[in-house]
Amino acid sequence: MSPIMKYFNYEHLPEHLQEVSKPIGDLARQMDEALPDGAEKSAGLRKLLEAKDCLVRAKLG
């Protein structure tokens, strides 16, 4: 498992934020398992994390 994956955890969030975070975390886990380690995978997971953070903040409104 890539070290960045810990930042995709969503269980600690209130339910209304989990609605946004969970699907992105699930996708990140799927990609982490399916793709070989490397620079592009790391970059993709970082960008996905950035997107998750932005979308959770959008939900906070």
PDB file of N, CA and C in Angstrom:
ATOM      1  N   MET A   1       0.843  -1.175   0.000  1.00  0.00           N
ATOM      2  CA  MET A   1       0.000   0.000   0.000  1.00  0.00           C
ATOM      3  C   MET A   1       0.892   1.245   0.000  1.00  0.00           C
ATOM      4  N   SER A   2       0.543   2.195  -0.823  1.00  0.00           N
ATOM      5  CA  SER A   2       1.296   3.445  -0.906  1.00  0.00           C
ATOM      6  C   SER A   2       1.113   4.258   0.373  1.00  0.00           C
ATOM      7  N   PRO A   3       2.155   4.925   0.825  1.00  0.00           N
ATOM      8  CA  PRO A   3       2.058   5.721   2.058  1.00  0.00           C
ATOM      9  C   PRO A   3       0.972   6.798   2.021  1.00  0.00           C
ATOM     10  N   ILE A   4       0.678   7.341   0.855  1.00  0.00           N
ATOM     11  CA  ILE A   4      -0.320   8.408   0.735  1.00  0.00           C
ATOM     12  C   ILE A   4      -1.735   7.917   1.058  1.00  0.00           C
ATOM     13  N   MET A   5      -1.934   6.616   1.017  1.00  0.00           N
ATOM     14  CA  MET A   5      -3.283   6.064   1.183  1.00  0.00           C
ATOM     15  C   MET A   5      -3.901   6.397   2.538  1.00  0.00           C
ATOM     16  N   LYS A   6      -3.080   6.643   3.541  1.00  0.00           N
ATOM     17  CA  LYS A   6      -3.638   6.979   4.856  1.00  0.00           C
ATOM     18  C   LYS A   6      -4.461   8.256   4.816  1.00  0.00           C
ATOM     19  N   TYR A   7      -4.187   9.122   3.853  1.00  0.00           N
ATOM     20  CA  TYR A   7      -4.915  10.386   3.755  1.00  0.00           C
ATOM     21  C   TYR A   7      -6.279  10.236   3.080  1.00  0.00           C
ATOM     22  N   PHE A   8      -6.572   9.059   2.567  1.00  0.00           N
ATOM     23  CA  PHE A   8      -7.869   8.794   1.964  1.00  0.00           C
ATOM     24  C   PHE A   8      -8.860   8.181   2.955  1.00  0.00           C
ATOM     25  N   ASN A   9      -8.447   7.973   4.200  1.00  0.00           N
ATOM     26  CA  ASN A   9      -9.374   7.460   5.210  1.00  0.00           C
ATOM     27  C   ASN A   9     -10.513   8.452   5.412  1.00  0.00           C
ATOM     28  N   TYR A  10     -11.697   7.940   5.608  1.00  0.00           N
ATOM     29  CA  TYR A  10     -12.875   8.807   5.735  1.00  0.00           C
ATOM     30  C   TYR A  10     -13.740   8.459   6.938  1.00  0.00           C
ATOM     31  N   GLU A  11     -13.421   7.368   7.619  1.00  0.00           N
ATOM     32  CA  GLU A  11     -14.271   6.886   8.707  1.00  0.00           C
ATOM     33  C   GLU A  11     -14.419   7.899   9.850  1.00  0.00           C
ATOM     34  N   HIS A  12     -13.447   8.757  10.027  1.00  0.00           N
ATOM     35  CA  HIS A  12     -13.457   9.738  11.114  1.00  0.00           C
ATOM     36  C   HIS A  12     -14.328  10.962  10.799  1.00  0.00           C
ATOM     37  N   LEU A  13     -14.746  11.082   9.549  1.00  0.00           N
ATOM     38  CA  LEU A  13     -15.515  12.262   9.131  1.00  0.00           C
ATOM     39  C   LEU A  13     -16.990  12.114   9.478  1.00  0.00           C
ATOM     40  N   PRO A  14     -17.688  13.239   9.660  1.00  0.00           N
ATOM     41  CA  PRO A  14     -19.140  13.178   9.820  1.00  0.00           C
ATOM     42  C   PRO A  14     -19.772  12.572   8.558  1.00  0.00           C
ATOM     43  N   GLU A  15     -20.932  12.004   8.718  1.00  0.00           N
ATOM     44  CA  GLU A  15     -21.570  11.271   7.618  1.00  0.00           C
ATOM     45  C   GLU A  15     -21.730  12.113   6.352  1.00  0.00           C
ATOM     46  N   HIS A  16     -22.097  13.376   6.495  1.00  0.00           N
ATOM     47  CA  HIS A  16     -22.320  14.199   5.300  1.00  0.00           C
ATOM     48  C   HIS A  16     -21.017  14.454   4.529  1.00  0.00           C
ATOM     49  N   LEU A  17     -19.874  14.379   5.186  1.00  0.00           N
ATOM     50  CA  LEU A  17     -18.600  14.513   4.488  1.00  0.00           C
ATOM     51  C   LEU A  17     -18.108  13.166   3.957  1.00  0.00           C
ATOM     52  N   GLN A  18     -18.499  12.098   4.624  1.00  0.00           N
ATOM     53  CA  GLN A  18     -18.161  10.767   4.120  1.00  0.00           C
ATOM     54  C   GLN A  18     -18.806  10.525   2.760  1.00  0.00           C
ATOM     55  N   GLU A  19     -19.973  11.106   2.531  1.00  0.00           N
ATOM     56  CA  GLU A  19     -20.660  10.948   1.240  1.00  0.00           C
ATOM     57  C   GLU A  19     -19.779  11.406   0.085  1.00  0.00           C
ATOM     58  N   VAL A  20     -18.958  12.417   0.323  1.00  0.00           N
ATOM     59  CA  VAL A  20     -18.056  12.936  -0.695  1.00  0.00           C
ATOM     60  C   VAL A  20     -16.735  12.171  -0.683  1.00  0.00           C
ATOM     61  N   SER A  21     -16.200  11.922   0.485  1.00  0.00           N
ATOM     62  CA  SER A  21     -14.863  11.355   0.621  1.00  0.00           C
ATOM     63  C   SER A  21     -14.799   9.865   0.295  1.00  0.00           C
ATOM     64  N   LYS A  22     -15.814   9.104   0.667  1.00  0.00           N
ATOM     65  CA  LYS A  22     -15.763   7.650   0.502  1.00  0.00           C
ATOM     66  C   LYS A  22     -15.579   7.204  -0.950  1.00  0.00           C
ATOM     67  N   PRO A  23     -16.368   7.703  -1.904  1.00  0.00           N
ATOM     68  CA  PRO A  23     -16.168   7.231  -3.278  1.00  0.00           C
ATOM     69  C   PRO A  23     -14.762   7.524  -3.814  1.00  0.00           C
ATOM     70  N   ILE A  24     -14.204   8.646  -3.414  1.00  0.00           N
ATOM     71  CA  ILE A  24     -12.862   8.993  -3.875  1.00  0.00           C
ATOM     72  C   ILE A  24     -11.839   8.097  -3.193  1.00  0.00           C
ATOM     73  N   GLY A  25     -12.020   7.842  -1.911  1.00  0.00           N
ATOM     74  CA  GLY A  25     -11.135   6.924  -1.206  1.00  0.00           C
ATOM     75  C   GLY A  25     -11.196   5.514  -1.772  1.00  0.00           C
ATOM     76  N   ASP A  26     -12.394   5.087  -2.129  1.00  0.00           N
ATOM     77  CA  ASP A  26     -12.557   3.757  -2.735  1.00  0.00           C
ATOM     78  C   ASP A  26     -11.834   3.675  -4.076  1.00  0.00           C
ATOM     79  N   LEU A  27     -11.957   4.729  -4.881  1.00  0.00           N
ATOM     80  CA  LEU A  27     -11.255   4.764  -6.165  1.00  0.00           C
ATOM     81  C   LEU A  27      -9.743   4.754  -5.960  1.00  0.00           C
ATOM     82  N   ALA A  28      -9.267   5.521  -4.992  1.00  0.00           N
ATOM     83  CA  ALA A  28      -7.830   5.550  -4.711  1.00  0.00           C
ATOM     84  C   ALA A  28      -7.329   4.169  -4.320  1.00  0.00           C
ATOM     85  N   ARG A  29      -8.068   3.465  -3.481  1.00  0.00           N
ATOM     86  CA  ARG A  29      -7.660   2.110  -3.080  1.00  0.00           C
ATOM     87  C   ARG A  29      -7.631   1.170  -4.283  1.00  0.00           C
ATOM     88  N   GLN A  30      -8.637   1.286  -5.119  1.00  0.00           N
ATOM     89  CA  GLN A  30      -8.701   0.442  -6.318  1.00  0.00           C
ATOM     90  C   GLN A  30      -7.483   0.700  -7.217  1.00  0.00           C
ATOM     91  N   MET A  31      -7.147   1.958  -7.422  1.00  0.00           N
ATOM     92  CA  MET A  31      -6.006   2.304  -8.269  1.00  0.00           C
ATOM     93  C   MET A  31      -4.684   1.887  -7.625  1.00  0.00           C
ATOM     94  N   ASP A  32      -4.583   2.039  -6.310  1.00  0.00           N
ATOM     95  CA  ASP A  32      -3.362   1.648  -5.607  1.00  0.00           C
ATOM     96  C   ASP A  32      -3.110   0.153  -5.757  1.00  0.00           C
ATOM     97  N   GLU A  33      -4.179  -0.627  -5.708  1.00  0.00           N
ATOM     98  CA  GLU A  33      -4.048  -2.083  -5.839  1.00  0.00           C
ATOM     99  C   GLU A  33      -3.809  -2.521  -7.281  1.00  0.00           C
ATOM    100  N   ALA A  34      -4.401  -1.812  -8.239  1.00  0.00           N
ATOM    101  CA  ALA A  34      -4.383  -2.258  -9.629  1.00  0.00           C
ATOM    102  C   ALA A  34      -3.137  -1.817 -10.396  1.00  0.00           C
ATOM    103  N   LEU A  35      -2.528  -0.706  -9.997  1.00  0.00           N
ATOM    104  CA  LEU A  35      -1.433  -0.145 -10.784  1.00  0.00           C
ATOM    105  C   LEU A  35      -0.074  -0.424 -10.144  1.00  0.00           C
ATOM    106  N   PRO A  36       0.943  -0.570 -10.981  1.00  0.00           N
ATOM    107  CA  PRO A  36       2.290  -0.777 -10.435  1.00  0.00           C
ATOM    108  C   PRO A  36       2.813   0.509  -9.805  1.00  0.00           C
ATOM    109  N   ASP A  37       3.655   0.373  -8.807  1.00  0.00           N
ATOM    110  CA  ASP A  37       4.268   1.536  -8.175  1.00  0.00           C
ATOM    111  C   ASP A  37       5.113   2.290  -9.192  1.00  0.00           C
ATOM    112  N   GLY A  38       5.141   3.582  -9.038  1.00  0.00           N
ATOM    113  CA  GLY A  38       5.950   4.411  -9.930  1.00  0.00           C
ATOM    114  C   GLY A  38       5.562   5.866  -9.796  1.00  0.00           C
ATOM    115  N   ALA A  39       6.293   6.689 -10.505  1.00  0.00           N
ATOM    116  CA  ALA A  39       6.093   8.135 -10.417  1.00  0.00           C
ATOM    117  C   ALA A  39       4.698   8.558 -10.868  1.00  0.00           C
ATOM    118  N   GLU A  40       4.191   7.957 -11.927  1.00  0.00           N
ATOM    119  CA  GLU A  40       2.876   8.352 -12.442  1.00  0.00           C
ATOM    120  C   GLU A  40       1.758   7.955 -11.483  1.00  0.00           C
ATOM    121  N   LYS A  41       1.871   6.786 -10.884  1.00  0.00           N
ATOM    122  CA  LYS A  41       0.873   6.377  -9.886  1.00  0.00           C
ATOM    123  C   LYS A  41       0.902   7.324  -8.695  1.00  0.00           C
ATOM    124  N   SER A  42       2.097   7.666  -8.235  1.00  0.00           N
ATOM    125  CA  SER A  42       2.215   8.603  -7.111  1.00  0.00           C
ATOM    126  C   SER A  42       1.607   9.950  -7.453  1.00  0.00           C
ATOM    127  N   ALA A  43       1.887  10.445  -8.640  1.00  0.00           N
ATOM    128  CA  ALA A  43       1.340  11.735  -9.066  1.00  0.00           C
ATOM    129  C   ALA A  43      -0.181  11.661  -9.174  1.00  0.00           C
ATOM    130  N   GLY A  44      -0.684  10.591  -9.726  1.00  0.00           N
ATOM    131  CA  GLY A  44      -2.133  10.434  -9.862  1.00  0.00           C
ATOM    132  C   GLY A  44      -2.830  10.380  -8.515  1.00  0.00           C
ATOM    133  N   LEU A  45      -2.268   9.652  -7.572  1.00  0.00           N
ATOM    134  CA  LEU A  45      -2.862   9.574  -6.235  1.00  0.00           C
ATOM    135  C   LEU A  45      -2.791  10.924  -5.523  1.00  0.00           C
ATOM    136  N   ARG A  46      -1.693  11.659  -5.717  1.00  0.00           N
ATOM    137  CA  ARG A  46      -1.587  13.001  -5.119  1.00  0.00           C
ATOM    138  C   ARG A  46      -2.660  13.935  -5.668  1.00  0.00           C
ATOM    139  N   LYS A  47      -2.866  13.881  -6.964  1.00  0.00           N
ATOM    140  CA  LYS A  47      -3.878  14.740  -7.587  1.00  0.00           C
ATOM    141  C   LYS A  47      -5.284  14.335  -7.145  1.00  0.00           C
ATOM    142  N   LEU A  48      -5.500  13.042  -6.993  1.00  0.00           N
ATOM    143  CA  LEU A  48      -6.787  12.570  -6.499  1.00  0.00           C
ATOM    144  C   LEU A  48      -7.016  13.038  -5.070  1.00  0.00           C
ATOM    145  N   LEU A  49      -5.971  13.036  -4.259  1.00  0.00           N
ATOM    146  CA  LEU A  49      -6.070  13.536  -2.894  1.00  0.00           C
ATOM    147  C   LEU A  49      -6.392  15.030  -2.887  1.00  0.00           C
ATOM    148  N   GLU A  50      -5.750  15.786  -3.756  1.00  0.00           N
ATOM    149  CA  GLU A  50      -6.049  17.214  -3.863  1.00  0.00           C
ATOM    150  C   GLU A  50      -7.508  17.436  -4.233  1.00  0.00           C
ATOM    151  N   ALA A  51      -8.003  16.648  -5.182  1.00  0.00           N
ATOM    152  CA  ALA A  51      -9.396  16.764  -5.599  1.00  0.00           C
ATOM    153  C   ALA A  51     -10.341  16.410  -4.453  1.00  0.00           C
ATOM    154  N   LYS A  52     -10.023  15.350  -3.726  1.00  0.00           N
ATOM    155  CA  LYS A  52     -10.861  14.964  -2.583  1.00  0.00           C
ATOM    156  C   LYS A  52     -10.924  16.088  -1.565  1.00  0.00           C
ATOM    157  N   ASP A  53      -9.786  16.662  -1.240  1.00  0.00           N
ATOM    158  CA  ASP A  53      -9.744  17.753  -0.259  1.00  0.00           C
ATOM    159  C   ASP A  53     -10.598  18.930  -0.724  1.00  0.00           C
ATOM    160  N   CYS A  54     -10.495  19.287  -1.989  1.00  0.00           N
ATOM    161  CA  CYS A  54     -11.284  20.384  -2.536  1.00  0.00           C
ATOM    162  C   CYS A  54     -12.780  20.087  -2.473  1.00  0.00           C
ATOM    163  N   LEU A  55     -13.163  18.875  -2.830  1.00  0.00           N
ATOM    164  CA  LEU A  55     -14.578  18.524  -2.859  1.00  0.00           C
ATOM    165  C   LEU A  55     -15.174  18.427  -1.455  1.00  0.00           C
ATOM    166  N   VAL A  56     -14.399  17.957  -0.499  1.00  0.00           N
ATOM    167  CA  VAL A  56     -14.871  17.935   0.888  1.00  0.00           C
ATOM    168  C   VAL A  56     -15.056  19.367   1.380  1.00  0.00           C
ATOM    169  N   ARG A  57     -14.105  20.249   1.053  1.00  0.00           N
ATOM    170  CA  ARG A  57     -14.263  21.658   1.442  1.00  0.00           C
ATOM    171  C   ARG A  57     -15.475  22.283   0.768  1.00  0.00           C
ATOM    172  N   ALA A  58     -15.748  21.895  -0.472  1.00  0.00           N
ATOM    173  CA  ALA A  58     -16.933  22.415  -1.172  1.00  0.00           C
ATOM    174  C   ALA A  58     -18.207  22.004  -0.440  1.00  0.00           C
ATOM    175  N   LYS A  59     -18.222  20.784   0.065  1.00  0.00           N
ATOM    176  CA  LYS A  59     -19.389  20.304   0.815  1.00  0.00           C
ATOM    177  C   LYS A  59     -19.572  21.106   2.104  1.00  0.00           C
ATOM    178  N   LEU A  60     -18.464  21.546   2.702  1.00  0.00           N
ATOM    179  CA  LEU A  60     -18.539  22.360   3.906  1.00  0.00           C
ATOM    180  C   LEU A  60     -19.155  23.736   3.612  1.00  0.00           C
ATOM    181  N   GLY A  61     -19.003  24.148   2.336  1.00  0.00           N
ATOM    182  CA  GLY A  61     -19.622  25.313   1.783  1.00  0.00           C
ATOM    183  C   GLY A  61     -19.426  26.610   2.363  1.00  0.00           C
TER     184      GLY A  61
END
